[in-house]
């Protein structure tokens, strides 16, 4: 396991290099001039040239990329185009905890609801409970977040209009601000985990060792806990890493529609303003987070089943 961790961490610089290079090339080749976007209606040639020199945009592309990577190694993410002269790290350091807590809450809800629902459906397969829960979770998995958000907001408005309880539709900071974003962000992942749990448990139930456990006189609860649930969870553990990547992409939509000041919100604003240093930095942070969470997933997998050797 230590070898796996060392190899994965050793590959992290190559991941960062690939991500930053692709992001830089796309930004460099994109039409438009970020300095003109920054200046707006002001077209003073002297100011234009000064800003191009300040941000290093008057250098060849390979020097620009080399300077960015040199600064990244030293912990310097550069200066923002949109917020002139402000270091990028000052802008994103407040968004990182927001996105992290939002994603962690959504993942926790996905697992806390998806696993029990899938287990319940599998233990009562081909019954009304199974069909109802499977249909509901399949609907959650199929509905995109940008469709689910207006539906929840409409229901929230109807409750408010009729004098019932309602939730804030935007903002961040109070506990009630968490409810709708976490539900939207965890919806698809929750449905996927529930479906996977059900199929995995159904497959394990049909194994010979489960029938043997019943024949030995073990109680239903002991068979479910020791033989069915533990073995059925292995495939579910493997999808937690990809689910995190899915939550990250969904956070870009959710944070912007709910005006949550996280990494996703900052990234979309940076794309609209052609703020390439911010775009590159947020991309690197998201990539590192996904790689590290995949490593945690592999570690959990080997703990649950020591016989499994995860390839680095």
C-alpha atoms as a PDB file:
ATOM      1  CA  UNK A   1       0.000   0.000   0.000  1.00  0.00           C
ATOM      2  CA  UNK A   2       2.866   2.366   0.755  1.00  0.00           C
ATOM      3  CA  UNK A   3       4.283   1.634  -2.700  1.00  0.00           C
ATOM      4  CA  UNK A   4       0.910   2.503  -4.250  1.00  0.00           C
ATOM      5  CA  UNK A   5       0.758   5.830  -2.396  1.00  0.00           C
ATOM      6  CA  UNK A   6       4.328   6.740  -3.367  1.00  0.00           C
ATOM      7  CA  UNK A   7       3.722   5.898  -7.035  1.00  0.00           C
ATOM      8  CA  UNK A   8       0.457   7.820  -7.188  1.00  0.00           C
ATOM      9  CA  UNK A   9       2.025  10.875  -5.547  1.00  0.00           C
ATOM     10  CA  UNK A  10       5.005  10.602  -7.891  1.00  0.00           C
ATOM     11  CA  UNK A  11       2.636  10.707 -10.871  1.00  0.00           C
ATOM     12  CA  UNK A  12       0.936  13.863  -9.557  1.00  0.00           C
ATOM     13  CA  UNK A  13       3.478  16.276 -11.157  1.00  0.00           C
ATOM     14  CA  UNK A  14       2.793  14.697 -14.566  1.00  0.00           C
ATOM     15  CA  UNK A  15      -0.947  15.146 -14.043  1.00  0.00           C
ATOM     16  CA  UNK A  16      -0.434  18.792 -13.091  1.00  0.00           C
ATOM     17  CA  UNK A  17       1.828  19.357 -16.103  1.00  0.00           C
ATOM     18  CA  UNK A  18      -0.735  17.836 -18.485  1.00  0.00           C
ATOM     19  CA  UNK A  19      -3.643  19.769 -17.018  1.00  0.00           C
ATOM     20  CA  UNK A  20      -1.835  23.116 -16.967  1.00  0.00           C
ATOM     21  CA  UNK A  21      -0.424  22.690 -20.468  1.00  0.00           C
ATOM     22  CA  UNK A  22      -3.779  21.826 -22.014  1.00  0.00           C
ATOM     23  CA  UNK A  23      -5.499  24.664 -20.158  1.00  0.00           C
ATOM     24  CA  UNK A  24      -2.771  27.114 -21.155  1.00  0.00           C
ATOM     25  CA  UNK A  25      -2.874  26.131 -24.851  1.00  0.00           C
ATOM     26  CA  UNK A  26      -6.664  26.409 -24.983  1.00  0.00           C
ATOM     27  CA  UNK A  27      -6.533  29.845 -23.343  1.00  0.00           C
ATOM     28  CA  UNK A  28      -3.680  31.006 -25.554  1.00  0.00           C
ATOM     29  CA  UNK A  29      -5.430  29.958 -28.773  1.00  0.00           C
ATOM     30  CA  UNK A  30      -8.844  31.251 -27.709  1.00  0.00           C
ATOM     31  CA  UNK A  31     -10.033  34.295 -29.669  1.00  0.00           C
ATOM     32  CA  UNK A  32     -10.076  37.675 -27.973  1.00  0.00           C
ATOM     33  CA  UNK A  33      -7.687  39.700 -25.859  1.00  0.00           C
ATOM     34  CA  UNK A  34      -7.963  39.470 -22.060  1.00  0.00           C
ATOM     35  CA  UNK A  35      -6.349  42.898 -21.638  1.00  0.00           C
ATOM     36  CA  UNK A  36      -8.966  44.541 -23.873  1.00  0.00           C
ATOM     37  CA  UNK A  37     -11.656  42.695 -21.915  1.00  0.00           C
ATOM     38  CA  UNK A  38     -10.130  44.038 -18.696  1.00  0.00           C
ATOM     39  CA  UNK A  39      -9.902  47.620 -19.977  1.00  0.00           C
ATOM     40  CA  UNK A  40     -13.437  47.726 -21.349  1.00  0.00           C
ATOM     41  CA  UNK A  41     -14.127  50.966 -23.184  1.00  0.00           C
ATOM     42  CA  UNK A  42     -10.723  52.417 -22.259  1.00  0.00           C
ATOM     43  CA  UNK A  43      -8.283  51.933 -25.120  1.00  0.00           C
ATOM     44  CA  UNK A  44      -5.217  53.859 -24.007  1.00  0.00           C
ATOM     45  CA  UNK A  45      -2.269  52.323 -25.942  1.00  0.00           C
ATOM     46  CA  UNK A  46       0.230  53.108 -23.173  1.00  0.00           C
ATOM     47  CA  UNK A  47      -1.923  51.484 -20.498  1.00  0.00           C
ATOM     48  CA  UNK A  48      -2.558  48.527 -22.801  1.00  0.00           C
ATOM     49  CA  UNK A  49       1.161  47.903 -23.321  1.00  0.00           C
ATOM     50  CA  UNK A  50       1.884  48.376 -19.617  1.00  0.00           C
ATOM     51  CA  UNK A  51      -0.705  45.756 -18.646  1.00  0.00           C
ATOM     52  CA  UNK A  52       0.545  43.313 -21.284  1.00  0.00           C
ATOM     53  CA  UNK A  53       4.043  43.646 -19.844  1.00  0.00           C
ATOM     54  CA  UNK A  54       2.798  43.396 -16.253  1.00  0.00           C
ATOM     55  CA  UNK A  55       1.088  40.064 -16.950  1.00  0.00           C
ATOM     56  CA  UNK A  56       3.848  38.804 -19.250  1.00  0.00           C
ATOM     57  CA  UNK A  57       1.591  38.590 -22.286  1.00  0.00           C
ATOM     58  CA  UNK A  58       4.194  40.277 -24.483  1.00  0.00           C
ATOM     59  CA  UNK A  59       6.427  37.205 -24.165  1.00  0.00           C
ATOM     60  CA  UNK A  60       6.388  34.141 -26.440  1.00  0.00           C
ATOM     61  CA  UNK A  61       3.902  31.462 -25.420  1.00  0.00           C
ATOM     62  CA  UNK A  62       6.556  29.025 -24.169  1.00  0.00           C
ATOM     63  CA  UNK A  63       8.037  31.682 -21.891  1.00  0.00           C
ATOM     64  CA  UNK A  64       4.605  32.515 -20.543  1.00  0.00           C
ATOM     65  CA  UNK A  65       3.962  28.873 -19.745  1.00  0.00           C
ATOM     66  CA  UNK A  66       7.435  28.420 -18.281  1.00  0.00           C
ATOM     67  CA  UNK A  67       6.995  31.444 -16.015  1.00  0.00           C
ATOM     68  CA  UNK A  68       3.637  30.123 -14.841  1.00  0.00           C
ATOM     69  CA  UNK A  69       5.038  26.676 -14.018  1.00  0.00           C
ATOM     70  CA  UNK A  70       8.020  28.241 -12.229  1.00  0.00           C
ATOM     71  CA  UNK A  71       5.676  30.310 -10.114  1.00  0.00           C
ATOM     72  CA  UNK A  72       3.436  27.299  -9.470  1.00  0.00           C
ATOM     73  CA  UNK A  73       6.383  25.318  -8.090  1.00  0.00           C
ATOM     74  CA  UNK A  74       7.122  28.230  -5.750  1.00  0.00           C
ATOM     75  CA  UNK A  75       3.475  28.514  -4.653  1.00  0.00           C
ATOM     76  CA  UNK A  76       2.784  31.622  -6.737  1.00  0.00           C
ATOM     77  CA  UNK A  77      -0.390  31.257  -8.828  1.00  0.00           C
ATOM     78  CA  UNK A  78       0.080  34.584 -10.589  1.00  0.00           C
ATOM     79  CA  UNK A  79      -2.009  37.743 -10.757  1.00  0.00           C
ATOM     80  CA  UNK A  80      -5.656  37.964 -11.698  1.00  0.00           C
ATOM     81  CA  UNK A  81      -6.627  39.754 -14.900  1.00  0.00           C
ATOM     82  CA  UNK A  82     -10.100  40.645 -13.645  1.00  0.00           C
ATOM     83  CA  UNK A  83      -8.991  41.921 -10.244  1.00  0.00           C
ATOM     84  CA  UNK A  84      -5.964  43.868 -11.359  1.00  0.00           C
ATOM     85  CA  UNK A  85      -2.845  43.191  -9.345  1.00  0.00           C
ATOM     86  CA  UNK A  86      -4.488  40.807  -6.858  1.00  0.00           C
ATOM     87  CA  UNK A  87      -2.771  37.419  -6.376  1.00  0.00           C
ATOM     88  CA  UNK A  88      -4.890  34.508  -7.567  1.00  0.00           C
ATOM     89  CA  UNK A  89      -4.381  32.653  -4.286  1.00  0.00           C
ATOM     90  CA  UNK A  90      -6.128  35.455  -2.391  1.00  0.00           C
ATOM     91  CA  UNK A  91      -9.177  34.950  -4.601  1.00  0.00           C
ATOM     92  CA  UNK A  92      -9.439  31.169  -4.410  1.00  0.00           C
ATOM     93  CA  UNK A  93      -8.403  30.469  -0.839  1.00  0.00           C
ATOM     94  CA  UNK A  94     -11.851  31.451   0.428  1.00  0.00           C
ATOM     95  CA  UNK A  95     -13.566  29.372  -2.249  1.00  0.00           C
ATOM     96  CA  UNK A  96     -11.676  26.147  -1.560  1.00  0.00           C
ATOM     97  CA  UNK A  97     -13.245  25.497   1.902  1.00  0.00           C
ATOM     98  CA  UNK A  98     -16.711  26.319   0.546  1.00  0.00           C
ATOM     99  CA  UNK A  99     -16.462  23.883  -2.375  1.00  0.00           C
ATOM    100  CA  UNK A 100     -14.829  21.231  -0.193  1.00  0.00           C
ATOM    101  CA  UNK A 101     -17.544  21.315   2.472  1.00  0.00           C
ATOM    102  CA  UNK A 102     -20.303  21.443  -0.149  1.00  0.00           C
ATOM    103  CA  UNK A 103     -18.860  18.455  -2.025  1.00  0.00           C
ATOM    104  CA  UNK A 104     -18.236  16.503   1.181  1.00  0.00           C
ATOM    105  CA  UNK A 105     -21.814  17.100   2.344  1.00  0.00           C
ATOM    106  CA  UNK A 106     -23.198  16.030  -1.042  1.00  0.00           C
ATOM    107  CA  UNK A 107     -21.043  12.883  -1.123  1.00  0.00           C
ATOM    108  CA  UNK A 108     -22.020  11.989   2.445  1.00  0.00           C
ATOM    109  CA  UNK A 109     -25.702  12.376   1.614  1.00  0.00           C
ATOM    110  CA  UNK A 110     -25.286  10.308  -1.558  1.00  0.00           C
ATOM    111  CA  UNK A 111     -23.746   7.412   0.363  1.00  0.00           C
ATOM    112  CA  UNK A 112     -25.990   7.749   3.429  1.00  0.00           C
ATOM    113  CA  UNK A 113     -29.146   7.526   1.301  1.00  0.00           C
ATOM    114  CA  UNK A 114     -28.020   5.600  -1.776  1.00  0.00           C
ATOM    115  CA  UNK A 115     -26.508   2.590   0.014  1.00  0.00           C
ATOM    116  CA  UNK A 116     -29.468   1.868   2.370  1.00  0.00           C
ATOM    117  CA  UNK A 117     -32.010   2.371  -0.427  1.00  0.00           C
ATOM    118  CA  UNK A 118     -30.096   0.049  -2.752  1.00  0.00           C
ATOM    119  CA  UNK A 119     -29.706  -2.533   0.022  1.00  0.00           C
ATOM    120  CA  UNK A 120     -33.408  -2.340   0.876  1.00  0.00           C
ATOM    121  CA  UNK A 121     -34.389  -2.755  -2.761  1.00  0.00           C
ATOM    122  CA  UNK A 122     -32.099  -5.763  -3.205  1.00  0.00           C
ATOM    123  CA  UNK A 123     -33.337  -7.535  -0.066  1.00  0.00           C
ATOM    124  CA  UNK A 124     -36.928  -7.018  -1.271  1.00  0.00           C
ATOM    125  CA  UNK A 125     -36.316  -7.540  -4.979  1.00  0.00           C
ATOM    126  CA  UNK A 126     -39.285  -7.776  -7.345  1.00  0.00           C
ATOM    127  CA  UNK A 127     -41.621  -6.262  -4.746  1.00  0.00           C
ATOM    128  CA  UNK A 128     -43.358  -2.890  -4.621  1.00  0.00           C
ATOM    129  CA  UNK A 129     -40.547  -1.533  -2.413  1.00  0.00           C
ATOM    130  CA  UNK A 130     -37.970  -2.554  -4.982  1.00  0.00           C
ATOM    131  CA  UNK A 131     -39.831  -1.104  -7.964  1.00  0.00           C
ATOM    132  CA  UNK A 132     -40.697   2.176  -6.232  1.00  0.00           C
ATOM    133  CA  UNK A 133     -37.202   2.848  -4.886  1.00  0.00           C
ATOM    134  CA  UNK A 134     -35.530   1.811  -8.143  1.00  0.00           C
ATOM    135  CA  UNK A 135     -37.792   4.058 -10.210  1.00  0.00           C
ATOM    136  CA  UNK A 136     -37.223   7.037  -7.922  1.00  0.00           C
ATOM    137  CA  UNK A 137     -33.439   6.623  -7.856  1.00  0.00           C
ATOM    138  CA  UNK A 138     -33.322   6.132 -11.626  1.00  0.00           C
ATOM    139  CA  UNK A 139     -35.234   9.390 -12.030  1.00  0.00           C
ATOM    140  CA  UNK A 140     -32.749  11.175  -9.742  1.00  0.00           C
ATOM    141  CA  UNK A 141     -29.845   9.801 -11.751  1.00  0.00           C
ATOM    142  CA  UNK A 142     -31.405  10.861 -15.062  1.00  0.00           C
ATOM    143  CA  UNK A 143     -32.408  14.444 -14.200  1.00  0.00           C
ATOM    144  CA  UNK A 144     -29.608  16.987 -14.832  1.00  0.00           C
ATOM    145  CA  UNK A 145     -28.865  19.486 -12.082  1.00  0.00           C
ATOM    146  CA  UNK A 146     -29.884  22.456 -14.249  1.00  0.00           C
ATOM    147  CA  UNK A 147     -33.351  20.853 -14.559  1.00  0.00           C
ATOM    148  CA  UNK A 148     -33.646  19.790 -10.928  1.00  0.00           C
ATOM    149  CA  UNK A 149     -32.768  23.259  -9.635  1.00  0.00           C
ATOM    150  CA  UNK A 150     -35.746  25.128 -11.199  1.00  0.00           C
ATOM    151  CA  UNK A 151     -38.071  22.294 -10.134  1.00  0.00           C
ATOM    152  CA  UNK A 152     -36.958  22.624  -6.500  1.00  0.00           C
ATOM    153  CA  UNK A 153     -37.110  26.397  -6.689  1.00  0.00           C
ATOM    154  CA  UNK A 154     -40.666  26.233  -8.076  1.00  0.00           C
ATOM    155  CA  UNK A 155     -41.725  23.907  -5.251  1.00  0.00           C
ATOM    156  CA  UNK A 156     -40.014  26.219  -2.774  1.00  0.00           C
ATOM    157  CA  UNK A 157     -41.884  29.211  -4.205  1.00  0.00           C
ATOM    158  CA  UNK A 158     -45.217  27.378  -4.063  1.00  0.00           C
ATOM    159  CA  UNK A 159     -44.612  26.589  -0.402  1.00  0.00           C
ATOM    160  CA  UNK A 160     -43.724  30.221   0.314  1.00  0.00           C
ATOM    161  CA  UNK A 161     -46.713  31.517  -1.674  1.00  0.00           C
ATOM    162  CA  UNK A 162     -49.089  29.338   0.356  1.00  0.00           C
ATOM    163  CA  UNK A 163     -47.580  30.421   3.670  1.00  0.00           C
ATOM    164  CA  UNK A 164     -45.570  27.261   4.261  1.00  0.00           C
ATOM    165  CA  UNK A 165     -41.879  26.888   5.109  1.00  0.00           C
ATOM    166  CA  UNK A 166     -39.411  27.984   2.434  1.00  0.00           C
ATOM    167  CA  UNK A 167     -35.683  28.065   1.833  1.00  0.00           C
ATOM    168  CA  UNK A 168     -33.383  30.816   0.503  1.00  0.00           C
ATOM    169  CA  UNK A 169     -32.768  30.421  -3.230  1.00  0.00           C
ATOM    170  CA  UNK A 170     -29.283  31.984  -3.226  1.00  0.00           C
ATOM    171  CA  UNK A 171     -26.432  32.935  -0.952  1.00  0.00           C
ATOM    172  CA  UNK A 172     -24.199  31.178   1.524  1.00  0.00           C
ATOM    173  CA  UNK A 173     -23.410  31.351   5.201  1.00  0.00           C
ATOM    174  CA  UNK A 174     -26.480  30.101   7.046  1.00  0.00           C
ATOM    175  CA  UNK A 175     -27.422  26.429   7.589  1.00  0.00           C
ATOM    176  CA  UNK A 176     -30.568  26.749   5.468  1.00  0.00           C
ATOM    177  CA  UNK A 177     -28.422  27.781   2.497  1.00  0.00           C
ATOM    178  CA  UNK A 178     -27.013  24.241   2.400  1.00  0.00           C
ATOM    179  CA  UNK A 179     -30.225  22.280   1.905  1.00  0.00           C
ATOM    180  CA  UNK A 180     -31.154  22.810  -1.758  1.00  0.00           C
ATOM    181  CA  UNK A 181     -27.570  22.898  -3.152  1.00  0.00           C
ATOM    182  CA  UNK A 182     -26.632  19.678  -1.340  1.00  0.00           C
ATOM    183  CA  UNK A 183     -29.818  17.931  -2.527  1.00  0.00           C
ATOM    184  CA  UNK A 184     -29.234  19.005  -6.135  1.00  0.00           C
ATOM    185  CA  UNK A 185     -25.530  18.158  -6.108  1.00  0.00           C
ATOM    186  CA  UNK A 186     -26.047  14.719  -4.537  1.00  0.00           C
ATOM    187  CA  UNK A 187     -29.125  13.716  -6.556  1.00  0.00           C
ATOM    188  CA  UNK A 188     -27.506  12.019  -9.556  1.00  0.00           C
ATOM    189  CA  UNK A 189     -24.718  10.468  -7.497  1.00  0.00           C
ATOM    190  CA  UNK A 190     -27.258   9.190  -4.964  1.00  0.00           C
ATOM    191  CA  UNK A 191     -29.275   7.496  -7.704  1.00  0.00           C
ATOM    192  CA  UNK A 192     -26.185   5.919  -9.224  1.00  0.00           C
ATOM    193  CA  UNK A 193     -24.919   4.574  -5.896  1.00  0.00           C
ATOM    194  CA  UNK A 194     -28.360   3.159  -5.072  1.00  0.00           C
ATOM    195  CA  UNK A 195     -28.597   1.362  -8.424  1.00  0.00           C
ATOM    196  CA  UNK A 196     -25.070  -0.008  -8.117  1.00  0.00           C
ATOM    197  CA  UNK A 197     -25.664  -1.155  -4.528  1.00  0.00           C
ATOM    198  CA  UNK A 198     -28.826  -2.983  -5.537  1.00  0.00           C
ATOM    199  CA  UNK A 199     -27.218  -4.838  -8.438  1.00  0.00           C
ATOM    200  CA  UNK A 200     -24.150  -5.682  -6.353  1.00  0.00           C
ATOM    201  CA  UNK A 201     -26.208  -7.030  -3.430  1.00  0.00           C
ATOM    202  CA  UNK A 202     -28.435  -9.077  -5.767  1.00  0.00           C
ATOM    203  CA  UNK A 203     -25.342 -10.653  -7.297  1.00  0.00           C
ATOM    204  CA  UNK A 204     -23.830 -11.480  -3.899  1.00  0.00           C
ATOM    205  CA  UNK A 205     -27.088 -13.005  -2.614  1.00  0.00           C
ATOM    206  CA  UNK A 206     -26.897 -15.620  -5.369  1.00  0.00           C
ATOM    207  CA  UNK A 207     -23.409 -16.781  -4.390  1.00  0.00           C
ATOM    208  CA  UNK A 208     -22.830 -20.251  -2.932  1.00  0.00           C
ATOM    209  CA  UNK A 209     -21.231 -18.987   0.283  1.00  0.00           C
ATOM    210  CA  UNK A 210     -24.398 -17.057   1.138  1.00  0.00           C
ATOM    211  CA  UNK A 211     -26.527 -20.180   0.739  1.00  0.00           C
ATOM    212  CA  UNK A 212     -23.984 -22.059   2.836  1.00  0.00           C
ATOM    213  CA  UNK A 213     -24.217 -19.437   5.585  1.00  0.00           C
ATOM    214  CA  UNK A 214     -27.992 -19.826   5.653  1.00  0.00           C
ATOM    215  CA  UNK A 215     -27.654 -23.627   5.716  1.00  0.00           C
ATOM    216  CA  UNK A 216     -25.338 -23.386   8.741  1.00  0.00           C
ATOM    217  CA  UNK A 217     -28.154 -21.713  10.668  1.00  0.00           C
ATOM    218  CA  UNK A 218     -26.805 -18.182  10.829  1.00  0.00           C
ATOM    219  CA  UNK A 219     -29.385 -15.492  11.467  1.00  0.00           C
ATOM    220  CA  UNK A 220     -30.587 -13.309   8.607  1.00  0.00           C
ATOM    221  CA  UNK A 221     -29.046 -10.212  10.186  1.00  0.00           C
ATOM    222  CA  UNK A 222     -25.637 -11.892  10.572  1.00  0.00           C
ATOM    223  CA  UNK A 223     -25.674 -13.170   6.992  1.00  0.00           C
ATOM    224  CA  UNK A 224     -26.588  -9.730   5.685  1.00  0.00           C
ATOM    225  CA  UNK A 225     -23.905  -7.958   7.706  1.00  0.00           C
ATOM    226  CA  UNK A 226     -20.999 -10.402   7.489  1.00  0.00           C
ATOM    227  CA  UNK A 227     -21.444 -12.013   4.091  1.00  0.00           C
ATOM    228  CA  UNK A 228     -23.687  -9.893   1.879  1.00  0.00           C
ATOM    229  CA  UNK A 229     -23.167  -6.257   2.813  1.00  0.00           C
ATOM    230  CA  UNK A 230     -19.381  -6.334   3.198  1.00  0.00           C
ATOM    231  CA  UNK A 231     -18.744  -8.085  -0.112  1.00  0.00           C
ATOM    232  CA  UNK A 232     -21.360  -6.074  -1.986  1.00  0.00           C
ATOM    233  CA  UNK A 233     -19.768  -2.790  -0.912  1.00  0.00           C
ATOM    234  CA  UNK A 234     -16.521  -3.404  -2.794  1.00  0.00           C
ATOM    235  CA  UNK A 235     -17.893  -2.273  -6.196  1.00  0.00           C
ATOM    236  CA  UNK A 236     -19.561   0.700  -4.504  1.00  0.00           C
ATOM    237  CA  UNK A 237     -16.238   1.798  -2.974  1.00  0.00           C
ATOM    238  CA  UNK A 238     -14.627   1.807  -6.423  1.00  0.00           C
ATOM    239  CA  UNK A 239     -17.095   4.373  -7.787  1.00  0.00           C
ATOM    240  CA  UNK A 240     -16.624   6.879  -4.977  1.00  0.00           C
ATOM    241  CA  UNK A 241     -13.586   8.367  -6.744  1.00  0.00           C
ATOM    242  CA  UNK A 242     -15.403   8.871 -10.081  1.00  0.00           C
ATOM    243  CA  UNK A 243     -18.417  10.145  -8.130  1.00  0.00           C
ATOM    244  CA  UNK A 244     -16.212  12.857  -6.656  1.00  0.00           C
ATOM    245  CA  UNK A 245     -15.209  13.929 -10.160  1.00  0.00           C
ATOM    246  CA  UNK A 246     -18.908  14.005 -11.080  1.00  0.00           C
ATOM    247  CA  UNK A 247     -19.688  16.148  -8.025  1.00  0.00           C
ATOM    248  CA  UNK A 248     -16.904  18.541  -8.980  1.00  0.00           C
ATOM    249  CA  UNK A 249     -18.336  19.098 -12.460  1.00  0.00           C
ATOM    250  CA  UNK A 250     -21.842  19.476 -11.045  1.00  0.00           C
ATOM    251  CA  UNK A 251     -20.613  22.028  -8.524  1.00  0.00           C
ATOM    252  CA  UNK A 252     -19.865  24.472 -11.347  1.00  0.00           C
ATOM    253  CA  UNK A 253     -23.574  24.596 -12.237  1.00  0.00           C
ATOM    254  CA  UNK A 254     -24.883  24.460  -8.668  1.00  0.00           C
ATOM    255  CA  UNK A 255     -22.561  27.127  -7.263  1.00  0.00           C
ATOM    256  CA  UNK A 256     -23.417  29.559 -10.031  1.00  0.00           C
ATOM    257  CA  UNK A 257     -27.180  29.065  -9.950  1.00  0.00           C
ATOM    258  CA  UNK A 258     -27.246  29.335  -6.148  1.00  0.00           C
ATOM    259  CA  UNK A 259     -24.600  32.112  -6.022  1.00  0.00           C
ATOM    260  CA  UNK A 260     -22.306  30.078  -3.759  1.00  0.00           C
ATOM    261  CA  UNK A 261     -18.803  31.616  -3.529  1.00  0.00           C
ATOM    262  CA  UNK A 262     -16.860  28.425  -4.236  1.00  0.00           C
ATOM    263  CA  UNK A 263     -14.308  27.305  -6.803  1.00  0.00           C
ATOM    264  CA  UNK A 264     -16.991  26.549  -9.404  1.00  0.00           C
ATOM    265  CA  UNK A 265     -18.499  30.024  -9.120  1.00  0.00           C
ATOM    266  CA  UNK A 266     -15.072  31.649  -9.349  1.00  0.00           C
ATOM    267  CA  UNK A 267     -14.120  29.523 -12.377  1.00  0.00           C
ATOM    268  CA  UNK A 268     -17.223  30.407 -14.387  1.00  0.00           C
ATOM    269  CA  UNK A 269     -16.745  34.092 -13.609  1.00  0.00           C
ATOM    270  CA  UNK A 270     -13.101  33.809 -14.688  1.00  0.00           C
ATOM    271  CA  UNK A 271     -14.077  32.143 -17.975  1.00  0.00           C
ATOM    272  CA  UNK A 272     -16.534  34.943 -18.734  1.00  0.00           C
ATOM    273  CA  UNK A 273     -13.814  37.555 -18.043  1.00  0.00           C
ATOM    274  CA  UNK A 274     -10.979  35.591 -19.726  1.00  0.00           C
ATOM    275  CA  UNK A 275      -9.120  35.525 -16.424  1.00  0.00           C
ATOM    276  CA  UNK A 276      -6.717  32.769 -17.474  1.00  0.00           C
ATOM    277  CA  UNK A 277      -4.543  32.666 -14.307  1.00  0.00           C
ATOM    278  CA  UNK A 278      -7.644  31.980 -12.223  1.00  0.00           C
ATOM    279  CA  UNK A 279      -8.894  29.366 -14.708  1.00  0.00           C
ATOM    280  CA  UNK A 280      -5.562  27.539 -14.657  1.00  0.00           C
ATOM    281  CA  UNK A 281      -5.285  27.632 -10.876  1.00  0.00           C
ATOM    282  CA  UNK A 282      -8.802  26.349 -10.206  1.00  0.00           C
ATOM    283  CA  UNK A 283      -8.266  23.586 -12.769  1.00  0.00           C
ATOM    284  CA  UNK A 284      -5.071  22.492 -11.025  1.00  0.00           C
ATOM    285  CA  UNK A 285      -6.770  22.465  -7.601  1.00  0.00           C
ATOM    286  CA  UNK A 286      -9.689  20.385  -8.870  1.00  0.00           C
ATOM    287  CA  UNK A 287      -7.343  17.922 -10.612  1.00  0.00           C
ATOM    288  CA  UNK A 288      -5.241  17.453  -7.471  1.00  0.00           C
ATOM    289  CA  UNK A 289      -8.396  16.925  -5.380  1.00  0.00           C
ATOM    290  CA  UNK A 290      -9.697  14.222  -7.748  1.00  0.00           C
ATOM    291  CA  UNK A 291      -6.337  12.412  -7.827  1.00  0.00           C
ATOM    292  CA  UNK A 292      -6.033  12.432  -4.027  1.00  0.00           C
ATOM    293  CA  UNK A 293      -9.611  11.237  -3.509  1.00  0.00           C
ATOM    294  CA  UNK A 294      -9.050   8.393  -5.987  1.00  0.00           C
ATOM    295  CA  UNK A 295      -6.020   7.440  -3.907  1.00  0.00           C
ATOM    296  CA  UNK A 296      -8.171   7.439  -0.747  1.00  0.00           C
ATOM    297  CA  UNK A 297     -10.716   5.238  -2.553  1.00  0.00           C
ATOM    298  CA  UNK A 298      -8.026   2.696  -3.476  1.00  0.00           C
ATOM    299  CA  UNK A 299      -6.785   2.719   0.108  1.00  0.00           C
ATOM    300  CA  UNK A 300     -10.285   1.997   1.431  1.00  0.00           C
ATOM    301  CA  UNK A 301     -10.687  -0.788  -1.114  1.00  0.00           C
ATOM    302  CA  UNK A 302      -7.573  -2.612   0.049  1.00  0.00           C
ATOM    303  CA  UNK A 303      -8.617  -2.247   3.698  1.00  0.00           C
ATOM    304  CA  UNK A 304     -12.033  -3.817   3.059  1.00  0.00           C
ATOM    305  CA  UNK A 305     -10.521  -6.665   1.045  1.00  0.00           C
ATOM    306  CA  UNK A 306      -6.777  -7.247   1.686  1.00  0.00           C
ATOM    307  CA  UNK A 307      -6.756  -9.927  -1.025  1.00  0.00           C
ATOM    308  CA  UNK A 308      -7.216  -7.243  -3.678  1.00  0.00           C
ATOM    309  CA  UNK A 309      -4.029  -5.733  -5.033  1.00  0.00           C
ATOM    310  CA  UNK A 310      -4.677  -2.287  -6.521  1.00  0.00           C
ATOM    311  CA  UNK A 311      -2.373  -1.575  -9.437  1.00  0.00           C
ATOM    312  CA  UNK A 312      -0.529   1.709  -9.358  1.00  0.00           C
END
